Protein backbone atom coordinates (compact mmCIF):
# COMPACT_ATOMS: atom_id res chain seq x y z
CA MET A 1 0.00 0.00 0.00
CA LYS A 2 1.35 3.42 -0.93
CA ARG A 3 2.06 5.64 2.07
CA SER A 4 0.64 9.11 2.46
CA SER A 5 3.20 11.91 2.17
CA ARG A 6 1.85 13.27 5.45
CA GLY A 7 0.03 11.44 8.19
CA LYS A 8 -3.55 12.09 9.10
CA VAL A 9 -5.72 10.64 11.84
CA TYR A 10 -9.44 10.02 11.43
CA LEU A 11 -11.56 9.75 14.56
CA VAL A 12 -14.32 7.56 13.17
CA GLY A 13 -17.65 6.59 14.70
CA ALA A 14 -18.76 3.04 13.84
CA GLY A 15 -22.33 3.45 15.04
CA PRO A 16 -24.15 1.09 17.40
CA GLY A 17 -22.60 -2.13 16.09
CA ASP A 18 -24.63 -3.21 13.08
CA PRO A 19 -22.45 -3.01 9.93
CA ASP A 20 -25.45 -1.69 7.98
CA LEU A 21 -25.49 1.39 10.23
CA VAL A 22 -21.92 2.50 9.49
CA THR A 23 -21.71 5.63 7.33
CA LEU A 24 -20.39 5.33 3.79
CA ARG A 25 -17.49 7.64 4.64
CA ALA A 26 -16.52 5.58 7.67
CA LYS A 27 -16.53 2.38 5.61
CA ARG A 28 -14.35 3.94 2.91
CA LEU A 29 -11.81 5.20 5.46
CA ILE A 30 -11.60 1.79 7.14
CA GLU A 31 -11.00 0.21 3.72
CA GLU A 32 -8.16 2.70 3.08
CA ALA A 33 -6.58 2.58 6.55
CA GLU A 34 -2.88 1.91 7.00
CA VAL A 35 -3.28 1.75 10.78
CA LEU A 36 -6.50 0.84 12.61
CA LEU A 37 -6.94 1.40 16.36
CA PHE A 38 -10.21 -0.09 17.50
CA ASP A 39 -12.38 -0.43 20.58
CA ARG A 40 -14.09 -3.54 21.93
CA LEU A 41 -17.64 -4.44 20.87
CA LEU A 42 -16.98 -3.71 17.21
CA SER A 43 -18.19 -6.48 14.93
CA SER A 44 -15.72 -8.69 13.11
CA GLU A 45 -17.41 -7.73 9.83
CA ILE A 46 -16.63 -4.04 10.35
CA LEU A 47 -13.03 -4.79 11.34
CA GLY A 48 -12.77 -7.07 8.30
CA TRP A 49 -13.12 -4.08 5.98
CA ALA A 50 -9.55 -3.03 6.80
CA PRO A 51 -6.89 -3.98 4.24
CA GLY A 52 -5.03 -7.21 4.91
CA ASP A 53 -1.71 -5.38 5.27
CA ALA A 54 -3.03 -2.70 7.64
CA GLU A 55 -1.60 -2.58 11.16
CA THR A 56 -4.46 -3.29 13.57
CA ILE A 57 -4.25 -2.44 17.27
CA ASP A 58 -6.83 -3.42 19.87
CA VAL A 59 -7.12 -0.60 22.42
CA GLY A 60 -10.46 -1.73 23.82
CA LYS A 61 -11.53 -0.96 27.36
CA LEU A 62 -13.55 -2.90 29.86
CA PRO A 63 -14.97 -1.37 33.03
CA GLY A 64 -12.03 -1.16 35.40
CA ARG A 65 -9.64 -2.89 32.95
CA HIS A 66 -7.89 -1.07 30.14
CA LYS A 67 -5.53 -2.53 27.54
CA LEU A 68 -4.15 1.00 27.22
CA SER A 69 -4.90 4.09 29.25
CA GLN A 70 -6.43 7.06 27.44
CA GLU A 71 -3.11 8.88 27.69
CA GLU A 72 -1.36 5.93 26.05
CA ILE A 73 -3.95 5.85 23.27
CA ASN A 74 -3.44 9.59 22.68
CA ALA A 75 0.33 9.08 22.48
CA LEU A 76 -0.08 6.15 20.09
CA LEU A 77 -2.26 8.21 17.76
CA VAL A 78 0.37 10.96 17.71
CA GLU A 79 3.13 8.41 17.09
CA LYS A 80 1.32 6.75 14.17
CA GLY A 81 0.34 10.11 12.70
CA ARG A 82 3.97 11.27 12.77
CA GLU A 83 4.96 8.17 10.80
CA GLY A 84 3.12 9.67 7.84
CA ARG A 85 0.41 7.04 7.83
CA ARG A 86 -3.34 7.09 7.31
CA VAL A 87 -4.64 6.26 10.79
CA VAL A 88 -8.22 5.36 11.65
CA ARG A 89 -9.24 5.49 15.30
CA LEU A 90 -12.45 3.46 15.24
CA LYS A 91 -14.98 3.85 18.04
CA GLY A 92 -18.45 2.55 18.71
CA GLY A 93 -21.22 5.13 18.41
CA ASP A 94 -20.04 8.69 17.85
CA PRO A 95 -16.53 9.85 18.81
CA PHE A 96 -17.85 12.98 20.56
CA VAL A 97 -20.67 11.34 22.55
CA PHE A 98 -18.94 9.86 25.60
CA GLY A 99 -16.31 8.55 23.19
CA ARG A 100 -13.37 10.65 24.44
CA GLY A 101 -12.82 11.77 20.88
CA GLY A 102 -12.38 15.33 22.09
CA GLU A 103 -9.42 14.32 24.25
CA GLU A 104 -7.81 12.52 21.32
CA GLY A 105 -8.43 15.48 19.04
CA LEU A 106 -6.82 17.89 21.50
CA ALA A 107 -3.76 15.66 21.81
CA LEU A 108 -3.41 15.50 18.02
CA ALA A 109 -3.92 19.27 17.67
CA ALA A 110 -1.23 19.94 20.29
CA ALA A 111 1.18 17.70 18.37
CA GLY A 112 0.38 19.36 15.05
CA ILE A 113 -1.07 16.16 13.55
CA PRO A 114 -3.89 16.72 11.03
CA PHE A 115 -7.08 14.98 12.09
CA GLU A 116 -10.72 14.74 11.12
CA VAL A 117 -13.82 13.68 13.01
CA VAL A 118 -16.21 11.36 11.19
CA PRO A 119 -19.48 11.24 13.14
CA GLY A 120 -21.23 7.96 13.81
CA ILE A 121 -24.81 7.09 14.73
CA THR A 122 -24.89 7.44 18.49
CA SER A 123 -26.24 4.56 20.52
CA ALA A 124 -28.09 7.10 22.69
CA ILE A 125 -30.72 7.46 19.98
CA SER A 126 -30.28 4.44 17.72
CA VAL A 127 -30.39 1.71 20.37
CA PRO A 128 -33.72 2.89 21.83
CA ALA A 129 -35.01 3.35 18.25
CA GLY A 130 -34.08 -0.22 17.36
CA ALA A 131 -36.02 -1.40 20.40
CA GLY A 132 -39.09 0.60 19.35
CA ILE A 133 -38.52 3.53 21.72
CA PRO A 134 -38.50 7.02 20.13
CA VAL A 135 -36.67 9.40 22.45
CA THR A 136 -39.21 12.10 21.49
CA HIS A 137 -42.83 11.65 20.47
CA ARG A 138 -45.53 14.18 19.79
CA GLY A 139 -47.93 14.45 22.69
CA VAL A 140 -45.60 12.51 24.99
CA THR A 141 -42.31 14.41 25.23
CA THR A 142 -40.45 17.02 23.21
CA ALA A 143 -37.09 16.74 24.97
CA PHE A 144 -34.53 14.14 25.94
CA THR A 145 -31.39 14.14 28.05
CA VAL A 146 -28.38 11.88 27.52
CA VAL A 147 -26.02 11.19 30.42
CA THR A 148 -23.48 8.58 31.40
CA GLY A 149 -24.43 6.28 34.22
CA HIS A 150 -20.86 5.47 35.14
CA GLU A 151 -18.94 8.67 35.72
CA GLU A 152 -15.22 8.85 36.23
CA PRO A 153 -14.47 8.66 39.99
CA GLY A 154 -13.30 11.84 41.68
CA LYS A 155 -14.86 14.32 39.27
CA ASP A 156 -15.72 17.69 40.82
CA ASP A 157 -18.83 18.17 38.70
CA ASN A 158 -20.66 14.91 39.27
CA LEU A 159 -24.19 14.79 37.90
CA ASP A 160 -26.99 15.93 40.14
CA TRP A 161 -29.34 12.98 39.65
CA GLU A 162 -32.05 14.47 41.80
CA ALA A 163 -32.03 17.59 39.63
CA LEU A 164 -32.18 15.40 36.51
CA ALA A 165 -35.34 13.84 37.89
CA LYS A 166 -37.04 17.25 37.76
CA VAL A 167 -36.03 18.02 34.16
CA GLY A 168 -38.71 15.71 32.73
CA GLY A 169 -38.77 14.30 29.22
CA THR A 170 -36.88 11.18 28.24
CA LEU A 171 -33.71 10.27 30.10
CA VAL A 172 -31.17 8.08 28.26
CA ILE A 173 -28.45 6.71 30.50
CA LEU A 174 -25.46 5.17 28.74
CA MET A 175 -23.28 2.62 30.52
CA GLY A 176 -26.03 2.35 33.06
CA VAL A 177 -25.61 -1.14 34.57
CA ALA A 178 -22.85 -0.80 37.16
CA ARG A 179 -24.59 1.99 39.10
CA LEU A 180 -28.16 1.14 38.16
CA GLU A 181 -29.47 0.91 41.73
CA GLU A 182 -27.78 4.11 42.90
CA ASN A 183 -28.90 6.12 39.87
CA THR A 184 -32.53 4.99 39.90
CA SER A 185 -32.72 5.60 43.64
CA ALA A 186 -31.47 9.15 43.11
CA LEU A 187 -34.08 9.76 40.41
CA LEU A 188 -36.80 8.51 42.76
CA ARG A 189 -35.53 10.78 45.55
CA GLY A 190 -35.65 13.67 43.10
CA GLY A 191 -39.36 13.14 42.61
CA ARG A 192 -39.56 11.00 39.47
CA SER A 193 -42.56 8.72 39.83
CA PRO A 194 -41.81 5.04 40.47
CA GLU A 195 -44.50 4.27 37.87
CA THR A 196 -42.48 5.95 35.10
CA PRO A 197 -41.86 3.37 32.32
CA ALA A 198 -38.23 2.25 32.12
CA ALA A 199 -36.31 -0.20 29.95
CA LEU A 200 -32.82 -1.63 29.83
CA ILE A 201 -31.52 -2.51 26.37
CA GLU A 202 -28.59 -4.89 26.50
CA ARG A 203 -26.14 -5.13 23.56
CA GLY A 204 -28.32 -3.02 21.28
CA TRP A 205 -28.26 -3.72 17.55
CA SER A 206 -26.35 -6.96 18.06
CA PRO A 207 -27.74 -10.49 17.56
CA GLU A 208 -27.72 -10.77 21.37
CA GLU A 209 -29.90 -7.72 21.97
CA ARG A 210 -32.35 -8.04 24.88
CA LEU A 211 -34.93 -5.59 26.19
CA VAL A 212 -35.93 -5.80 29.84
CA GLY A 213 -38.88 -3.53 30.56
CA GLY A 214 -40.53 -2.33 33.73
CA THR A 215 -40.88 0.87 35.70
CA LEU A 216 -38.42 3.12 37.46
CA GLY A 217 -39.58 1.51 40.70
CA ASP A 218 -38.91 -2.10 39.68
CA ILE A 219 -36.31 -1.98 36.92
CA VAL A 220 -33.48 -2.86 39.32
CA GLU A 221 -35.27 -6.01 40.42
CA ARG A 222 -36.12 -6.94 36.85
CA ALA A 223 -32.51 -6.40 35.78
CA LYS A 224 -31.31 -8.74 38.52
CA GLU A 225 -33.87 -11.40 37.53
CA ALA A 226 -32.76 -11.20 33.90
CA ASN A 227 -29.04 -10.93 34.80
CA VAL A 228 -28.60 -7.87 32.61
CA GLN A 229 -24.94 -7.24 31.84
CA SER A 230 -22.89 -4.43 30.36
CA PRO A 231 -23.13 -2.88 27.83
CA ALA A 232 -26.70 -1.76 28.36
CA ILE A 233 -28.63 1.49 28.01
CA LEU A 234 -31.32 2.60 30.44
CA VAL A 235 -34.22 4.61 29.05
CA VAL A 236 -36.63 6.32 31.46
CA GLY A 237 -39.78 8.10 30.34
CA ASP A 238 -43.29 7.66 29.02
CA VAL A 239 -41.97 6.97 25.50
CA VAL A 240 -40.82 3.55 26.72
CA ALA A 241 -44.45 2.39 26.68
CA LEU A 242 -44.51 2.89 22.89
CA SER A 243 -42.09 -0.01 22.49
CA GLU A 244 -44.93 -2.49 22.81
CA LYS A 245 -46.33 -1.31 19.46
CA LEU A 246 -43.22 -0.01 17.69
CA ARG A 247 -40.67 -2.70 18.51
CA PRO A 248 -40.43 -5.45 15.87
CA PRO A 249 -41.20 -8.84 17.43
CA THR A 250 -38.12 -10.97 17.99
CA ILE A 251 -38.20 -14.51 16.65
CA ALA A 252 -35.82 -17.32 17.53
CA ILE A 253 -35.05 -19.41 14.45
CA LEU A 254 -33.74 -22.89 15.26
CA ARG A 255 -33.18 -24.20 11.73
CA PRO A 256 -29.66 -25.16 10.56
CA ASP A 257 -27.03 -22.57 9.77
CA ASN A 258 -27.02 -23.28 6.03
CA ARG A 259 -30.53 -21.80 5.95
CA GLY A 260 -29.56 -18.83 8.14
CA GLU A 261 -29.15 -16.16 5.46
CA GLU A 262 -32.41 -17.15 3.79
CA SER A 263 -34.22 -17.25 7.15
CA GLU A 264 -32.93 -13.83 8.18
CA ARG A 265 -33.97 -12.28 4.87
CA ILE A 266 -37.51 -13.67 5.05
CA ALA A 267 -37.92 -12.76 8.72
CA ARG A 268 -36.82 -9.15 8.20
CA MET A 269 -38.98 -8.82 5.09
CA LEU A 270 -42.02 -9.83 7.15
CA GLY A 271 -41.23 -7.41 9.97
CA PHE A 272 -39.51 -9.67 12.50
CA ARG A 273 -36.18 -9.23 14.21
CA PRO A 274 -34.50 -12.63 13.81
CA ILE A 275 -32.40 -14.37 16.43
CA LEU A 276 -30.49 -17.12 14.63
CA ALA A 277 -29.79 -19.99 17.01
CA PRO A 278 -29.35 -23.25 15.07
CA SER A 279 -30.15 -26.25 17.24
CA ILE A 280 -29.20 -28.83 14.60
CA ALA A 281 -26.42 -29.21 12.07
CA PHE A 282 -26.15 -31.30 8.92
CA SER A 283 -23.46 -33.94 8.58
CA GLU A 284 -23.00 -34.75 4.90
CA LEU A 285 -22.77 -38.46 4.00
CA PRO A 286 -20.85 -39.89 1.02
CA LEU A 287 -22.86 -40.69 -2.08
CA PRO A 288 -23.05 -44.44 -2.76
CA GLU A 289 -20.98 -45.61 -5.74
CA ASP A 290 -24.00 -47.25 -7.36
CA LEU A 291 -26.18 -44.10 -7.13
CA PRO A 292 -26.24 -43.62 -10.95
CA GLU A 293 -27.58 -47.15 -11.45
CA ARG A 294 -30.20 -46.65 -8.75
CA ILE A 295 -31.32 -43.40 -10.38
CA GLU A 296 -31.69 -45.14 -13.75
CA ARG A 297 -33.72 -48.00 -12.22
CA SER A 298 -36.25 -45.67 -10.57
CA ASP A 299 -39.42 -44.29 -12.11
CA CYS A 300 -39.15 -41.14 -9.98
CA VAL A 301 -36.38 -39.51 -7.92
CA VAL A 302 -37.68 -37.73 -4.82
CA PHE A 303 -36.00 -34.95 -2.81
CA THR A 304 -37.43 -34.04 0.57
CA SER A 305 -35.27 -30.98 1.32
CA ALA A 306 -33.31 -28.21 -0.38
CA THR A 307 -30.25 -29.33 1.59
CA GLY A 308 -30.46 -32.81 0.03
CA ALA A 309 -30.78 -31.29 -3.43
CA GLU A 310 -27.72 -29.10 -2.90
CA ILE A 311 -25.63 -32.06 -1.70
CA ALA A 312 -26.59 -34.39 -4.54
CA LEU A 313 -26.13 -31.79 -7.26
CA ARG A 314 -22.56 -31.04 -6.26
CA ASP A 315 -21.73 -34.28 -8.08
CA GLY A 316 -21.66 -33.31 -11.75
CA GLY A 317 -22.42 -36.82 -12.98
CA VAL A 318 -25.46 -37.15 -10.74
CA ALA A 319 -26.68 -33.69 -11.75
CA GLU A 320 -26.43 -34.60 -15.43
CA LEU A 321 -28.24 -37.90 -14.94
CA LEU A 322 -31.09 -36.20 -13.06
CA LYS A 323 -31.82 -34.01 -16.10
CA SER A 324 -33.42 -37.02 -17.76
CA SER A 325 -35.18 -38.28 -14.61
CA VAL A 326 -38.69 -37.65 -13.36
CA LEU A 327 -38.27 -35.53 -10.22
CA ALA A 328 -40.54 -34.91 -7.24
CA THR A 329 -40.09 -32.65 -4.22
CA ILE A 330 -41.83 -32.26 -0.90
CA GLY A 331 -42.39 -28.52 -1.36
CA PRO A 332 -41.64 -25.35 -3.33
CA ARG A 333 -38.33 -24.50 -1.63
CA THR A 334 -36.85 -27.86 -2.64
CA GLN A 335 -38.34 -27.39 -6.10
CA GLU A 336 -36.58 -24.01 -6.36
CA ALA A 337 -33.24 -25.55 -5.33
CA LEU A 338 -33.51 -28.01 -8.24
CA GLU A 339 -34.88 -25.62 -10.83
CA GLU A 340 -32.19 -23.04 -10.00
CA ARG A 341 -29.77 -25.70 -11.30
CA GLY A 342 -31.67 -26.30 -14.51
CA LEU A 343 -33.72 -29.35 -13.47
CA PHE A 344 -37.45 -29.74 -14.05
CA VAL A 345 -39.68 -30.95 -11.22
CA SER A 346 -42.79 -32.90 -12.25
CA VAL A 347 -44.45 -33.56 -8.89
CA VAL A 348 -45.03 -31.17 -5.97
CA PRO A 349 -47.88 -32.13 -3.61
CA GLU A 350 -50.60 -29.70 -2.62
CA SER A 351 -49.85 -30.52 1.03
CA TYR A 352 -46.15 -29.95 1.72
CA SER A 353 -45.65 -32.96 3.98
CA SER A 354 -44.43 -36.55 3.88
CA ARG A 355 -48.03 -37.77 3.80
CA GLY A 356 -49.00 -35.36 1.03
CA LEU A 357 -45.96 -36.36 -1.02
CA ALA A 358 -46.69 -40.07 -0.58
CA HIS A 359 -50.27 -39.66 -1.80
CA SER A 360 -49.01 -37.73 -4.86
CA LEU A 361 -46.49 -40.45 -5.77
CA ALA A 362 -48.37 -43.67 -5.03
CA PRO A 363 -50.83 -43.68 -7.97
CA LYS A 364 -48.20 -42.77 -10.58
CA PHE A 365 -44.96 -44.68 -9.90
CA LYS A 366 -43.90 -48.25 -9.09
CA ARG A 367 -40.24 -47.65 -8.20
CA VAL A 368 -39.29 -44.54 -6.23
CA LEU A 369 -35.82 -43.42 -5.14
CA LEU A 370 -35.77 -41.21 -2.03
CA LEU A 371 -32.76 -38.94 -1.61
CA ARG A 372 -33.08 -37.53 1.89
CA SER A 373 -31.95 -37.21 5.51
CA ALA A 374 -31.10 -40.25 7.60
CA GLN A 375 -33.63 -38.84 10.08
CA GLY A 376 -36.46 -38.61 7.55
CA SER A 377 -40.04 -39.37 8.54
CA PRO A 378 -40.91 -43.09 8.31
CA ASP A 379 -44.47 -42.15 7.23
CA LEU A 380 -43.36 -41.52 3.66
CA VAL A 381 -41.88 -45.00 3.18
CA ARG A 382 -44.71 -46.73 5.05
CA ILE A 383 -47.50 -45.14 3.01
CA LEU A 384 -45.70 -45.78 -0.28
CA GLU A 385 -45.03 -49.43 0.53
CA GLU A 386 -48.63 -49.94 1.69
CA ALA A 387 -49.68 -48.66 -1.76
CA GLY A 388 -47.44 -51.23 -3.47
CA VAL A 389 -44.60 -48.85 -4.38
CA GLU A 390 -41.04 -50.20 -4.28
CA VAL A 391 -38.98 -47.72 -2.25
CA ASP A 392 -35.21 -47.28 -2.42
CA GLU A 393 -33.64 -44.88 0.11
CA VAL A 394 -30.32 -43.04 -0.07
CA TYR A 395 -29.28 -40.98 2.93
CA LEU A 396 -27.51 -37.82 1.83
CA TYR A 397 -26.94 -36.33 5.26
CA ASP A 398 -27.48 -36.93 8.94
CA ILE A 399 -28.70 -34.53 11.60
CA ALA A 400 -26.71 -33.83 14.75
CA PRO A 401 -26.80 -31.30 17.61
CA SER A 402 -25.35 -28.00 16.44
CA ALA A 403 -23.00 -27.19 19.36
CA ASP A 404 -23.55 -23.58 18.28
CA PRO A 405 -22.76 -20.89 20.90
CA ARG A 406 -25.74 -18.86 19.65
CA LEU A 407 -28.01 -21.67 20.80
CA ASP A 408 -26.43 -21.62 24.27
CA TRP A 409 -26.97 -17.86 24.44
CA LEU A 410 -30.63 -18.30 23.50
CA ILE A 411 -31.11 -20.96 26.18
CA LEU A 412 -29.29 -19.09 28.94
CA ARG A 413 -30.14 -15.45 28.17
CA GLY A 414 -32.45 -15.05 25.19
CA ARG A 415 -35.98 -13.68 25.57
CA PRO A 416 -37.57 -13.93 22.12
CA ASP A 417 -41.22 -13.10 21.59
CA ILE A 418 -41.59 -16.13 19.31
CA PHE A 419 -39.87 -19.51 18.94
CA ALA A 420 -40.01 -20.90 15.37
CA PHE A 421 -39.50 -24.66 14.93
CA THR A 422 -38.93 -26.07 11.44
CA SER A 423 -38.67 -29.76 12.39
CA GLY A 424 -39.07 -32.10 15.30
CA SER A 425 -35.27 -32.32 15.45
CA THR A 426 -34.94 -28.59 16.11
CA ALA A 427 -37.27 -29.00 19.10
CA LYS A 428 -35.64 -32.15 20.48
CA ASN A 429 -32.13 -30.74 20.31
CA LEU A 430 -33.15 -27.42 21.86
CA MET A 431 -34.61 -29.18 24.89
CA LYS A 432 -31.71 -31.63 25.13
CA ARG A 433 -29.16 -28.83 25.09
CA ALA A 434 -31.16 -26.90 27.71
CA LYS A 435 -31.09 -29.99 29.93
CA ASP A 436 -27.32 -30.34 29.45
CA LEU A 437 -26.89 -26.71 30.53
CA GLY A 438 -29.14 -27.15 33.55
CA ALA A 439 -31.58 -24.58 32.16
CA GLN A 440 -34.51 -26.73 31.09
CA ASP A 441 -36.98 -25.38 33.64
CA ASP A 442 -36.08 -21.77 32.86
CA LEU A 443 -36.40 -22.40 29.12
CA ARG A 444 -39.80 -24.03 29.62
CA GLU A 445 -40.98 -20.91 31.46
CA ARG A 446 -39.87 -18.69 28.58
CA LEU A 447 -41.51 -21.00 26.03
CA ALA A 448 -44.73 -20.77 28.05
CA ARG A 449 -44.59 -16.95 28.03
CA ALA A 450 -43.64 -16.68 24.36
CA LYS A 451 -45.54 -17.69 21.22
CA VAL A 452 -44.51 -20.95 19.57
CA ALA A 453 -44.75 -21.77 15.86
CA ALA A 454 -44.40 -25.22 14.22
CA ILE A 455 -43.87 -25.61 10.49
CA GLY A 456 -46.27 -28.56 10.24
CA PRO A 457 -48.16 -31.30 12.09
CA PRO A 458 -45.14 -33.62 12.68
CA THR A 459 -43.24 -30.76 14.32
CA GLU A 460 -46.33 -29.81 16.30
CA ALA A 461 -46.65 -33.42 17.49
CA GLU A 462 -43.02 -33.52 18.63
CA LEU A 463 -43.45 -30.27 20.55
CA ALA A 464 -46.58 -31.68 22.20
CA ARG A 465 -44.58 -34.77 23.19
CA LEU A 466 -42.03 -32.45 24.78
CA GLY A 467 -44.77 -30.61 26.66
CA VAL A 468 -44.59 -27.39 24.64
CA ARG A 469 -47.78 -25.57 23.60
CA VAL A 470 -47.99 -24.59 19.91
CA ASP A 471 -49.74 -21.37 18.85
CA TYR A 472 -49.22 -21.36 15.09
CA VAL A 473 -49.20 -24.02 12.35
CA PRO A 474 -49.46 -22.76 8.75
CA GLU A 475 -51.68 -24.36 6.12
CA LYS A 476 -48.68 -24.59 3.79
CA TYR A 477 -45.69 -26.16 5.49
CA THR A 478 -42.95 -23.70 4.52
CA PHE A 479 -40.85 -21.35 6.62
CA GLU A 480 -42.23 -18.27 4.89
CA SER A 481 -45.83 -19.46 5.30
CA MET A 482 -45.19 -20.08 8.99
CA LEU A 483 -44.00 -16.49 9.49
CA GLU A 484 -46.91 -15.15 7.42
CA GLU A 485 -49.30 -17.07 9.67
CA ILE A 486 -47.73 -15.48 12.76
CA ARG A 487 -48.13 -12.01 11.22
CA ARG A 488 -51.72 -12.71 10.22
CA LYS A 489 -52.83 -13.93 13.64
CA GLY A 490 -50.65 -11.53 15.62
């Protein structure tokens, strides 16, 4: 990378954490950086925009534990700027909103190092907004105050919390966990009503975001019950009550990770905030050597999942042979996976289920080849054989517990409004993992409080066996139809 003739330092705000909320200018500067100094809590995707040969330095701070002191960070910025390099000092939120960007700017100015401030979307406004809380709202409040809940010890001008209580409007308290009890007590002493709506938003705009709501009088107790941890923002004011209508419902999606991007896209399109927590994973199995012969012997080749189609079609010879075969699928998503690869599907049942597929196949074919999961429903084979159809099965993949840390987070800390189950296996493995973590009873309580959706009757039956109530089952057994059913019924 060509060096600048003269160094310059950019104090860049990265916003609240979501890469989609970084400004275009900030992204371009990160992509052009020769040196990148970054804080904690920045996503790996944002940091990944830096060039591969850039020098990256972690200067992140934890409460009470600093990798570098602020004075050392200031000195490092001056040092790198004097080397004639393009330096990006990347911070969460906005550099000038409790970001100590002013201190860094003063140090650079004193050293004669050119610098520029690139504002970011402050978490003080964006995190409440993401949780459905507008800091101002016509007819409710026309003012808001932003303060830090964890001031530097020994300051002469400590906040007068009792005076803040009398200001009115919305109060947004950043870094508000460590001194939550002291600060809320001071607001109550200052005359703020204990019935004032209050909410803590933990890890806003991240996949692990949680909202814990209550009132000023009980938010401390609720925070302890939910084990709220830093970083979290406290919002106090009548606008908090609007969250119930403005906040997008959160939905826990348990389906495998290879369907994650598709699931997230559909969920967001339909107005949900997805929490991806795969409870199962696919273990691909080798294709049998005689698969071509078995395809040629069959009257119809049947795929029961898009995953199976993707696995089989990676073999060029199999893909070519299937072009001249009669193909059937269990539903439209599997049909799409085949047709995207230039294959024509002849049979798709009206009812997207093993039973519906069996009834579509039985009258038409004598020899059927099933390419599917080793955990596939036995109903399909049983019904076909009872109808006199010769069934040949090839297992393309097996299903195993995911061992995904996102699932553990969901079990131990997640509070989704809705749990979405796309198979009996997703339900079984969720409950098994909860039992392994010693959190089964707590998870059952959250399932009882939340809404539960099952993609079809077999999944509903498995959830019933596990003692979980089901609120939604779509008429068409697809992921998108399941989410549309949730939206329709509310």
